[in-house]
């Protein structure tokens, strides 16, 4: 399994010393019957979705509204493969904290480039500042430097409480 390291933001996102206090629980799983947010460039294929893009940019896939997301590490996980990706493609997760704005984690450490076979990818987002509660998580796939095609399946959002 490949591990994707996201962007770490001071205050909301913790350091490597933040350790889960127990096993991760599945918040939501997305399958072929779930409709992605993006209406163009995303089509059902191979038990998931085919995401085709001609240029750089983010493709919104799913949103998960939650209450009480705090003191936890959120994990966005998916299986992906690529064809003719110009530049990079990677998982992107935006987390909204009421009164503070939106913060992100991106899978820049192991992006998809060129063409590749199926592999597992995931990115973390640490919510470990006392009293900070997220209420919305947005799951995207982002293209940097150009377009290409990415297939995604077995998409899920997990949460593990921090100790």
Foldseek 3Di string as FASTA:
>chain_A
DDEFEWDADPQFFDDPPWDFPDDKDFPDWDWQVDFFPDPPQWDDDDGFIKHWDFFWDKDWGDKDFDWPPAQKKKKKKKKKWWAQAAAWKWKKKWWQWPPPGIDIIIRPVDTHHHTGDIDMYMYIGGGYRPPTITGMMIIIMTGPRGIGMMTIGRITMIIGHTD
